[in-house]
Amino acid sequence: MFVLKKLISAFLLPLPASLSLIAVALGLIWFTGRQRAGRVLATVAFGLLLLLSLPVIGSGLVATLEKGQEPLYPAERLAAATADVGRAPRWIVVLGGGHLAEPRLPAIDQLSSSALLRLAEGVRLYRALPGTRMLLSGAGSGAVAQADILAEAAVGFGVPEQDLVLERTTVDTEDEATKLTGIVGKEDFILVTTASHMPRALALFRARGVDPIAAPTDYAVHHGVSGVHFDEFFPHPAGLRLTEVAEHEYLGRLWAKLRGRL
């Protein structure tokens, strides 16, 4: 099921979807008599790819996910989210964010930029909240799980090994919500993940009867910058990437709802 979900979602992303439509259109034009249908389909695919490559579109979609996701910073905000409202988190839970196992490289170079930012925020919160432990998650396609790479990097950042707990079998956010909730039990915990991913992660954890304190990081949109820049109306790989991030989150939430997990 997991592999099937990944395959389907991969083909629904803007670039593969647009190229697939263009391939069908070319087939209609070159190998059938349906020239008009092929031209129309090719035009639609080109327009779709162009539109979804505009940074103004991608940033707008991601901004809706990041809206209201405030970081636990500065110290006053962290205090307000914990002790000031009667909550005493015992865990800093860091969700996996991707890695590429390459033993010749340091752990921080094996982590994706998203995973590294999540870990860095987790370490910051761990240091700010004495007595907490870090719970790191993530499986791996090779011999080394992402949780182990996160742990190696965390130790390099000065976190003692005895304060690290690893969950090496989680393959996606739904799996993390189920297995990590089983580890933390009824204890309060802070959930660290990418800001655009936080709404779906919170929904999945809350569906399992827990209420994490959100600690979003890895923001893709600069919410403090006002106005729209001229260059945001030109297609760019960054715009396509933002659109993919947003689509991934919306599809993930839809998938969970269809299966009754939300």
C-alpha atoms as a PDB file:
ATOM      1  CA  MET A   1       0.000   0.000   0.000  1.00  0.00           C
ATOM      2  CA  PHE A   2       2.802   2.405   0.895  1.00  0.00           C
ATOM      3  CA  VAL A   3       4.626   1.831  -2.413  1.00  0.00           C
ATOM      4  CA  LEU A   4       1.385   2.181  -4.380  1.00  0.00           C
ATOM      5  CA  LYS A   5       0.615   5.463  -2.598  1.00  0.00           C
ATOM      6  CA  LYS A   6       4.069   6.800  -3.429  1.00  0.00           C
ATOM      7  CA  LEU A   7       3.772   5.829  -7.100  1.00  0.00           C
ATOM      8  CA  ILE A   8       0.348   7.407  -7.517  1.00  0.00           C
ATOM      9  CA  SER A   9       1.313  10.608  -5.717  1.00  0.00           C
ATOM     10  CA  ALA A  10       4.503  10.884  -7.797  1.00  0.00           C
ATOM     11  CA  PHE A  11       2.535  10.862 -11.057  1.00  0.00           C
ATOM     12  CA  LEU A  12       0.075  13.428  -9.725  1.00  0.00           C
ATOM     13  CA  LEU A  13       2.779  16.016  -9.071  1.00  0.00           C
ATOM     14  CA  PRO A  14       2.780  18.968 -11.520  1.00  0.00           C
ATOM     15  CA  LEU A  15       5.792  18.035 -13.658  1.00  0.00           C
ATOM     16  CA  PRO A  16       5.068  14.293 -14.150  1.00  0.00           C
ATOM     17  CA  ALA A  17       1.356  14.989 -14.651  1.00  0.00           C
ATOM     18  CA  SER A  18       1.997  17.693 -17.261  1.00  0.00           C
ATOM     19  CA  LEU A  19       4.588  15.615 -19.115  1.00  0.00           C
ATOM     20  CA  SER A  20       2.234  12.628 -19.122  1.00  0.00           C
ATOM     21  CA  LEU A  21      -0.498  14.751 -20.685  1.00  0.00           C
ATOM     22  CA  ILE A  22       1.963  16.060 -23.273  1.00  0.00           C
ATOM     23  CA  ALA A  23       3.041  12.486 -24.083  1.00  0.00           C
ATOM     24  CA  VAL A  24      -0.593  11.467 -24.622  1.00  0.00           C
ATOM     25  CA  ALA A  25      -1.138  14.564 -26.756  1.00  0.00           C
ATOM     26  CA  LEU A  26       1.866  13.748 -28.943  1.00  0.00           C
ATOM     27  CA  GLY A  27       0.596  10.197 -29.328  1.00  0.00           C
ATOM     28  CA  LEU A  28      -2.757  11.502 -30.519  1.00  0.00           C
ATOM     29  CA  ILE A  29      -1.114  13.906 -32.961  1.00  0.00           C
ATOM     30  CA  TRP A  30       1.432  11.490 -34.441  1.00  0.00           C
ATOM     31  CA  PHE A  31      -0.302   8.115 -34.351  1.00  0.00           C
ATOM     32  CA  THR A  32      -4.047   8.777 -34.597  1.00  0.00           C
ATOM     33  CA  GLY A  33      -6.421  10.888 -36.588  1.00  0.00           C
ATOM     34  CA  ARG A  34      -7.441  12.891 -33.525  1.00  0.00           C
ATOM     35  CA  GLN A  35      -5.235  15.861 -34.331  1.00  0.00           C
ATOM     36  CA  ARG A  36      -7.534  18.447 -32.787  1.00  0.00           C
ATOM     37  CA  ALA A  37      -7.834  16.554 -29.501  1.00  0.00           C
ATOM     38  CA  GLY A  38      -4.062  16.182 -29.360  1.00  0.00           C
ATOM     39  CA  ARG A  39      -3.466  19.885 -29.918  1.00  0.00           C
ATOM     40  CA  VAL A  40      -6.030  20.842 -27.279  1.00  0.00           C
ATOM     41  CA  LEU A  41      -4.529  18.423 -24.757  1.00  0.00           C
ATOM     42  CA  ALA A  42      -0.981  19.647 -25.455  1.00  0.00           C
ATOM     43  CA  THR A  43      -2.124  23.259 -24.982  1.00  0.00           C
ATOM     44  CA  VAL A  44      -3.844  22.415 -21.689  1.00  0.00           C
ATOM     45  CA  ALA A  45      -0.761  20.554 -20.426  1.00  0.00           C
ATOM     46  CA  PHE A  46       1.541  23.423 -21.380  1.00  0.00           C
ATOM     47  CA  GLY A  47      -0.750  25.962 -19.709  1.00  0.00           C
ATOM     48  CA  LEU A  48      -0.980  23.830 -16.564  1.00  0.00           C
ATOM     49  CA  LEU A  49       2.781  23.434 -16.315  1.00  0.00           C
ATOM     50  CA  LEU A  50       3.309  27.148 -16.935  1.00  0.00           C
ATOM     51  CA  LEU A  51       0.761  28.159 -14.312  1.00  0.00           C
ATOM     52  CA  LEU A  52       2.053  25.788 -11.638  1.00  0.00           C
ATOM     53  CA  SER A  53       5.644  26.936 -12.256  1.00  0.00           C
ATOM     54  CA  LEU A  54       4.849  30.521 -11.266  1.00  0.00           C
ATOM     55  CA  PRO A  55       6.305  31.362  -7.841  1.00  0.00           C
ATOM     56  CA  VAL A  56       3.275  33.515  -7.080  1.00  0.00           C
ATOM     57  CA  ILE A  57       1.059  30.417  -7.364  1.00  0.00           C
ATOM     58  CA  GLY A  58       3.349  28.072  -5.438  1.00  0.00           C
ATOM     59  CA  SER A  59       4.023  30.525  -2.635  1.00  0.00           C
ATOM     60  CA  GLY A  60       0.323  31.285  -2.347  1.00  0.00           C
ATOM     61  CA  LEU A  61      -0.535  27.600  -1.948  1.00  0.00           C
ATOM     62  CA  VAL A  62       2.201  27.022   0.625  1.00  0.00           C
ATOM     63  CA  ALA A  63       1.275  30.189   2.494  1.00  0.00           C
ATOM     64  CA  THR A  64      -2.194  28.763   3.178  1.00  0.00           C
ATOM     65  CA  LEU A  65      -0.530  25.785   4.877  1.00  0.00           C
ATOM     66  CA  GLU A  66       1.958  27.855   6.848  1.00  0.00           C
ATOM     67  CA  LYS A  67      -0.609  30.450   7.922  1.00  0.00           C
ATOM     68  CA  GLY A  68      -0.924  30.565  11.697  1.00  0.00           C
ATOM     69  CA  GLN A  69       2.048  28.262  12.212  1.00  0.00           C
ATOM     70  CA  GLU A  70       4.111  30.339  14.627  1.00  0.00           C
ATOM     71  CA  PRO A  71       7.539  29.126  15.792  1.00  0.00           C
ATOM     72  CA  LEU A  72       8.281  28.613  19.486  1.00  0.00           C
ATOM     73  CA  TYR A  73      10.539  31.628  19.397  1.00  0.00           C
ATOM     74  CA  PRO A  74      11.553  33.834  21.146  1.00  0.00           C
ATOM     75  CA  ALA A  75      11.780  32.505  24.691  1.00  0.00           C
ATOM     76  CA  GLU A  76       8.587  34.274  25.742  1.00  0.00           C
ATOM     77  CA  ARG A  77       6.556  32.409  23.150  1.00  0.00           C
ATOM     78  CA  LEU A  78       8.078  29.099  24.178  1.00  0.00           C
ATOM     79  CA  ALA A  79       7.187  29.833  27.809  1.00  0.00           C
ATOM     80  CA  ALA A  80       3.644  30.756  26.836  1.00  0.00           C
ATOM     81  CA  ALA A  81       3.219  27.461  24.995  1.00  0.00           C
ATOM     82  CA  THR A  82       4.527  25.368  27.883  1.00  0.00           C
ATOM     83  CA  ALA A  83       4.765  26.296  31.559  1.00  0.00           C
ATOM     84  CA  ASP A  84       2.555  29.380  31.379  1.00  0.00           C
ATOM     85  CA  VAL A  85      -0.452  27.278  30.364  1.00  0.00           C
ATOM     86  CA  GLY A  86       0.264  24.363  32.661  1.00  0.00           C
ATOM     87  CA  ARG A  87       1.997  22.099  30.176  1.00  0.00           C
ATOM     88  CA  ALA A  88       5.328  20.467  30.919  1.00  0.00           C
ATOM     89  CA  PRO A  89       6.637  18.721  27.782  1.00  0.00           C
ATOM     90  CA  ARG A  90       8.853  15.745  28.456  1.00  0.00           C
ATOM     91  CA  TRP A  91       9.633  14.973  24.830  1.00  0.00           C
ATOM     92  CA  ILE A  92      10.877  16.816  21.762  1.00  0.00           C
ATOM     93  CA  VAL A  93       9.512  14.739  18.871  1.00  0.00           C
ATOM     94  CA  VAL A  94      11.279  15.348  15.545  1.00  0.00           C
ATOM     95  CA  LEU A  95       9.643  13.864  12.456  1.00  0.00           C
ATOM     96  CA  GLY A  96      11.850  12.469   9.717  1.00  0.00           C
ATOM     97  CA  GLY A  97      12.388  14.716   6.706  1.00  0.00           C
ATOM     98  CA  GLY A  98      14.378  12.685   4.211  1.00  0.00           C
ATOM     99  CA  HIS A  99      17.970  11.553   3.837  1.00  0.00           C
ATOM    100  CA  LEU A 100      20.426   9.940   1.468  1.00  0.00           C
ATOM    101  CA  ALA A 101      22.574   7.319   3.165  1.00  0.00           C
ATOM    102  CA  GLU A 102      26.202   7.946   2.228  1.00  0.00           C
ATOM    103  CA  PRO A 103      28.559   6.578   4.917  1.00  0.00           C
ATOM    104  CA  ARG A 104      31.568   8.529   3.645  1.00  0.00           C
ATOM    105  CA  LEU A 105      29.821  11.803   4.528  1.00  0.00           C
ATOM    106  CA  PRO A 106      29.110  13.338   7.950  1.00  0.00           C
ATOM    107  CA  ALA A 107      25.577  12.794   9.222  1.00  0.00           C
ATOM    108  CA  ILE A 108      24.549  16.396   8.595  1.00  0.00           C
ATOM    109  CA  ASP A 109      25.463  16.011   4.920  1.00  0.00           C
ATOM    110  CA  GLN A 110      23.330  12.893   4.612  1.00  0.00           C
ATOM    111  CA  LEU A 111      20.197  14.658   5.847  1.00  0.00           C
ATOM    112  CA  SER A 112      17.933  16.630   3.543  1.00  0.00           C
ATOM    113  CA  SER A 113      17.766  20.370   4.197  1.00  0.00           C
ATOM    114  CA  SER A 114      14.301  19.882   5.697  1.00  0.00           C
ATOM    115  CA  ALA A 115      15.441  17.108   8.036  1.00  0.00           C
ATOM    116  CA  LEU A 116      18.453  19.143   9.121  1.00  0.00           C
ATOM    117  CA  LEU A 117      16.327  22.193   9.943  1.00  0.00           C
ATOM    118  CA  ARG A 118      13.870  20.026  11.890  1.00  0.00           C
ATOM    119  CA  LEU A 119      16.709  18.507  13.870  1.00  0.00           C
ATOM    120  CA  ALA A 120      18.322  21.895  14.551  1.00  0.00           C
ATOM    121  CA  GLU A 121      15.027  23.232  15.910  1.00  0.00           C
ATOM    122  CA  GLY A 122      14.613  20.107  18.014  1.00  0.00           C
ATOM    123  CA  VAL A 123      18.071  20.548  19.509  1.00  0.00           C
ATOM    124  CA  ARG A 124      17.347  24.215  20.251  1.00  0.00           C
ATOM    125  CA  LEU A 125      14.176  23.286  22.119  1.00  0.00           C
ATOM    126  CA  TYR A 126      15.920  20.434  23.938  1.00  0.00           C
ATOM    127  CA  ARG A 127      18.526  22.869  25.242  1.00  0.00           C
ATOM    128  CA  ALA A 128      15.865  25.415  26.203  1.00  0.00           C
ATOM    129  CA  LEU A 129      13.843  22.830  28.159  1.00  0.00           C
ATOM    130  CA  PRO A 130      16.050  20.928  30.644  1.00  0.00           C
ATOM    131  CA  GLY A 131      14.819  17.463  31.510  1.00  0.00           C
ATOM    132  CA  THR A 132      13.368  16.692  28.091  1.00  0.00           C
ATOM    133  CA  ARG A 133      14.375  13.874  25.770  1.00  0.00           C
ATOM    134  CA  MET A 134      14.450  13.813  21.980  1.00  0.00           C
ATOM    135  CA  LEU A 135      12.428  11.257  20.032  1.00  0.00           C
ATOM    136  CA  LEU A 136      13.722  10.884  16.466  1.00  0.00           C
ATOM    137  CA  SER A 137      11.905   8.958  13.762  1.00  0.00           C
ATOM    138  CA  GLY A 138      12.446   7.675  10.272  1.00  0.00           C
ATOM    139  CA  ALA A 139      13.060   4.395   8.503  1.00  0.00           C
ATOM    140  CA  GLY A 140      15.426   3.981   5.587  1.00  0.00           C
ATOM    141  CA  SER A 141      15.644   2.234   2.247  1.00  0.00           C
ATOM    142  CA  GLY A 142      19.142   0.995   3.032  1.00  0.00           C
ATOM    143  CA  ALA A 143      20.930  -0.517   5.993  1.00  0.00           C
ATOM    144  CA  VAL A 144      20.874   2.696   8.034  1.00  0.00           C
ATOM    145  CA  ALA A 145      17.606   4.227   9.224  1.00  0.00           C
ATOM    146  CA  GLN A 146      17.074   7.955   9.052  1.00  0.00           C
ATOM    147  CA  ALA A 147      16.544   7.985  12.821  1.00  0.00           C
ATOM    148  CA  ASP A 148      20.144   6.787  13.261  1.00  0.00           C
ATOM    149  CA  ILE A 149      21.491   9.522  11.011  1.00  0.00           C
ATOM    150  CA  LEU A 150      19.448  12.112  12.915  1.00  0.00           C
ATOM    151  CA  ALA A 151      20.813  10.727  16.167  1.00  0.00           C
ATOM    152  CA  GLU A 152      24.409  10.874  14.956  1.00  0.00           C
ATOM    153  CA  ALA A 153      23.910  14.503  13.933  1.00  0.00           C
ATOM    154  CA  ALA A 154      22.210  15.298  17.255  1.00  0.00           C
ATOM    155  CA  VAL A 155      25.143  13.863  19.193  1.00  0.00           C
ATOM    156  CA  GLY A 156      27.410  16.006  17.050  1.00  0.00           C
ATOM    157  CA  PHE A 157      25.346  19.006  18.156  1.00  0.00           C
ATOM    158  CA  GLY A 158      25.988  18.096  21.775  1.00  0.00           C
ATOM    159  CA  VAL A 159      22.913  16.056  22.734  1.00  0.00           C
ATOM    160  CA  PRO A 160      23.850  13.141  25.035  1.00  0.00           C
ATOM    161  CA  GLU A 161      23.040   9.707  23.612  1.00  0.00           C
ATOM    162  CA  GLN A 162      21.066   8.784  26.737  1.00  0.00           C
ATOM    163  CA  ASP A 163      18.596  11.575  25.947  1.00  0.00           C
ATOM    164  CA  LEU A 164      17.833  10.182  22.488  1.00  0.00           C
ATOM    165  CA  VAL A 165      15.109   7.659  21.699  1.00  0.00           C
ATOM    166  CA  LEU A 166      14.856   6.309  18.153  1.00  0.00           C
ATOM    167  CA  GLU A 167      11.933   4.920  16.170  1.00  0.00           C
ATOM    168  CA  ARG A 168      13.486   3.294  13.106  1.00  0.00           C
ATOM    169  CA  THR A 169      10.440   1.777  11.381  1.00  0.00           C
ATOM    170  CA  THR A 170       8.177   4.729  10.542  1.00  0.00           C
ATOM    171  CA  VAL A 171       7.657   5.220   6.806  1.00  0.00           C
ATOM    172  CA  ASP A 172       5.251   8.180   6.615  1.00  0.00           C
ATOM    173  CA  THR A 173       3.448  10.738   8.776  1.00  0.00           C
ATOM    174  CA  GLU A 174       0.507   8.480   9.540  1.00  0.00           C
ATOM    175  CA  ASP A 175       2.872   5.762  10.674  1.00  0.00           C
ATOM    176  CA  GLU A 176       4.759   8.270  12.819  1.00  0.00           C
ATOM    177  CA  ALA A 177       1.557   9.479  14.469  1.00  0.00           C
ATOM    178  CA  THR A 178       0.644   5.927  15.451  1.00  0.00           C
ATOM    179  CA  LYS A 179       4.030   4.653  16.617  1.00  0.00           C
ATOM    180  CA  LEU A 180       5.364   7.802  18.264  1.00  0.00           C
ATOM    181  CA  THR A 181       2.135   8.298  20.200  1.00  0.00           C
ATOM    182  CA  GLY A 182       2.651   4.803  21.566  1.00  0.00           C
ATOM    183  CA  ILE A 183       6.080   5.827  22.858  1.00  0.00           C
ATOM    184  CA  VAL A 184       5.222   9.152  24.494  1.00  0.00           C
ATOM    185  CA  GLY A 185       1.948   7.882  25.939  1.00  0.00           C
ATOM    186  CA  LYS A 186       0.064  10.557  27.871  1.00  0.00           C
ATOM    187  CA  GLU A 187       3.086  12.788  28.465  1.00  0.00           C
ATOM    188  CA  ASP A 188       3.156  16.262  26.939  1.00  0.00           C
ATOM    189  CA  PHE A 189       5.448  16.658  23.954  1.00  0.00           C
ATOM    190  CA  ILE A 190       6.566  19.200  21.393  1.00  0.00           C
ATOM    191  CA  LEU A 191       6.166  18.215  17.762  1.00  0.00           C
ATOM    192  CA  VAL A 192       8.814  19.514  15.356  1.00  0.00           C
ATOM    193  CA  THR A 193       8.271  19.414  11.621  1.00  0.00           C
ATOM    194  CA  THR A 194       8.206  21.620   8.529  1.00  0.00           C
ATOM    195  CA  ALA A 195       5.711  24.486   8.783  1.00  0.00           C
ATOM    196  CA  SER A 196       3.750  23.443   5.678  1.00  0.00           C
ATOM    197  CA  HIS A 197       3.621  19.866   6.967  1.00  0.00           C
ATOM    198  CA  MET A 198       2.486  20.827  10.463  1.00  0.00           C
ATOM    199  CA  PRO A 199      -1.311  21.047   9.826  1.00  0.00           C
ATOM    200  CA  ARG A 200      -1.466  17.478   8.500  1.00  0.00           C
ATOM    201  CA  ALA A 201       0.898  16.159  11.187  1.00  0.00           C
ATOM    202  CA  LEU A 202      -1.133  17.774  13.973  1.00  0.00           C
ATOM    203  CA  ALA A 203      -4.377  16.407  12.558  1.00  0.00           C
ATOM    204  CA  LEU A 204      -2.994  12.860  12.440  1.00  0.00           C
ATOM    205  CA  PHE A 205      -1.596  13.020  15.976  1.00  0.00           C
ATOM    206  CA  ARG A 206      -4.788  14.543  17.377  1.00  0.00           C
ATOM    207  CA  ALA A 207      -6.817  11.823  15.694  1.00  0.00           C
ATOM    208  CA  ARG A 208      -4.931   9.438  17.975  1.00  0.00           C
ATOM    209  CA  GLY A 209      -5.944  11.232  21.145  1.00  0.00           C
ATOM    210  CA  VAL A 210      -2.896  13.407  21.819  1.00  0.00           C
ATOM    211  CA  ASP A 211      -2.442  17.174  21.579  1.00  0.00           C
ATOM    212  CA  PRO A 212       1.154  18.099  20.705  1.00  0.00           C
ATOM    213  CA  ILE A 213       2.634  21.544  21.156  1.00  0.00           C
ATOM    214  CA  ALA A 214       3.480  22.616  17.611  1.00  0.00           C
ATOM    215  CA  ALA A 215       7.013  23.770  16.818  1.00  0.00           C
ATOM    216  CA  PRO A 216       7.038  24.510  13.076  1.00  0.00           C
ATOM    217  CA  THR A 217      10.276  25.210  11.254  1.00  0.00           C
ATOM    218  CA  ASP A 218      11.694  25.166   7.705  1.00  0.00           C
ATOM    219  CA  TYR A 219       9.396  27.912   6.411  1.00  0.00           C
ATOM    220  CA  ALA A 220       9.178  28.215   2.621  1.00  0.00           C
ATOM    221  CA  VAL A 221       7.349  31.552   2.493  1.00  0.00           C
ATOM    222  CA  HIS A 222       8.619  34.774   4.045  1.00  0.00           C
ATOM    223  CA  HIS A 223       5.451  35.921   5.767  1.00  0.00           C
ATOM    224  CA  GLY A 224       7.060  39.085   7.088  1.00  0.00           C
ATOM    225  CA  VAL A 225       7.780  40.374   3.576  1.00  0.00           C
ATOM    226  CA  SER A 226       4.888  42.396   2.185  1.00  0.00           C
ATOM    227  CA  GLY A 227       3.879  42.746  -1.440  1.00  0.00           C
ATOM    228  CA  VAL A 228       4.360  40.603  -4.535  1.00  0.00           C
ATOM    229  CA  HIS A 229       7.562  40.910  -6.541  1.00  0.00           C
ATOM    230  CA  PHE A 230       7.591  41.216 -10.326  1.00  0.00           C
ATOM    231  CA  ASP A 231       9.747  38.121 -10.836  1.00  0.00           C
ATOM    232  CA  GLU A 232       7.163  35.930  -9.076  1.00  0.00           C
ATOM    233  CA  PHE A 233       5.100  36.052 -12.285  1.00  0.00           C
ATOM    234  CA  PHE A 234       7.781  34.267 -14.323  1.00  0.00           C
ATOM    235  CA  PRO A 235       8.059  30.460 -14.358  1.00  0.00           C
ATOM    236  CA  HIS A 236      10.863  29.137 -12.176  1.00  0.00           C
ATOM    237  CA  PRO A 237      11.881  25.740 -10.757  1.00  0.00           C
ATOM    238  CA  ALA A 238      11.406  27.181  -7.263  1.00  0.00           C
ATOM    239  CA  GLY A 239       7.776  27.929  -8.078  1.00  0.00           C
ATOM    240  CA  LEU A 240       7.238  24.387  -9.302  1.00  0.00           C
ATOM    241  CA  ARG A 241       8.848  23.037  -6.133  1.00  0.00           C
ATOM    242  CA  LEU A 242       6.542  25.105  -3.915  1.00  0.00           C
ATOM    243  CA  THR A 243       3.519  23.842  -5.825  1.00  0.00           C
ATOM    244  CA  GLU A 244       4.723  20.258  -5.366  1.00  0.00           C
ATOM    245  CA  VAL A 245       5.119  20.803  -1.612  1.00  0.00           C
ATOM    246  CA  ALA A 246       1.560  22.121  -1.310  1.00  0.00           C
ATOM    247  CA  GLU A 247       0.084  19.407  -3.519  1.00  0.00           C
ATOM    248  CA  HIS A 248       1.858  16.713  -1.509  1.00  0.00           C
ATOM    249  CA  GLU A 249       0.264  17.997   1.692  1.00  0.00           C
ATOM    250  CA  TYR A 250      -3.234  18.320   0.254  1.00  0.00           C
ATOM    251  CA  LEU A 251      -3.073  14.866  -1.342  1.00  0.00           C
ATOM    252  CA  GLY A 252      -1.744  13.372   1.901  1.00  0.00           C
ATOM    253  CA  ARG A 253      -4.612  14.805   3.895  1.00  0.00           C
ATOM    254  CA  LEU A 254      -7.167  13.676   1.302  1.00  0.00           C
ATOM    255  CA  TRP A 255      -5.690  10.156   1.345  1.00  0.00           C
ATOM    256  CA  ALA A 256      -5.956   9.984   5.130  1.00  0.00           C
ATOM    257  CA  LYS A 257      -9.555  11.199   5.081  1.00  0.00           C
ATOM    258  CA  LEU A 258     -10.587   8.727   2.387  1.00  0.00           C
ATOM    259  CA  ARG A 259      -9.212   5.899   4.514  1.00  0.00           C
ATOM    260  CA  GLY A 260     -10.896   7.175   7.678  1.00  0.00           C
ATOM    261  CA  ARG A 261      -7.630   8.061   9.425  1.00  0.00           C
ATOM    262  CA  LEU A 262      -8.650  11.693   9.997  1.00  0.00           C
END
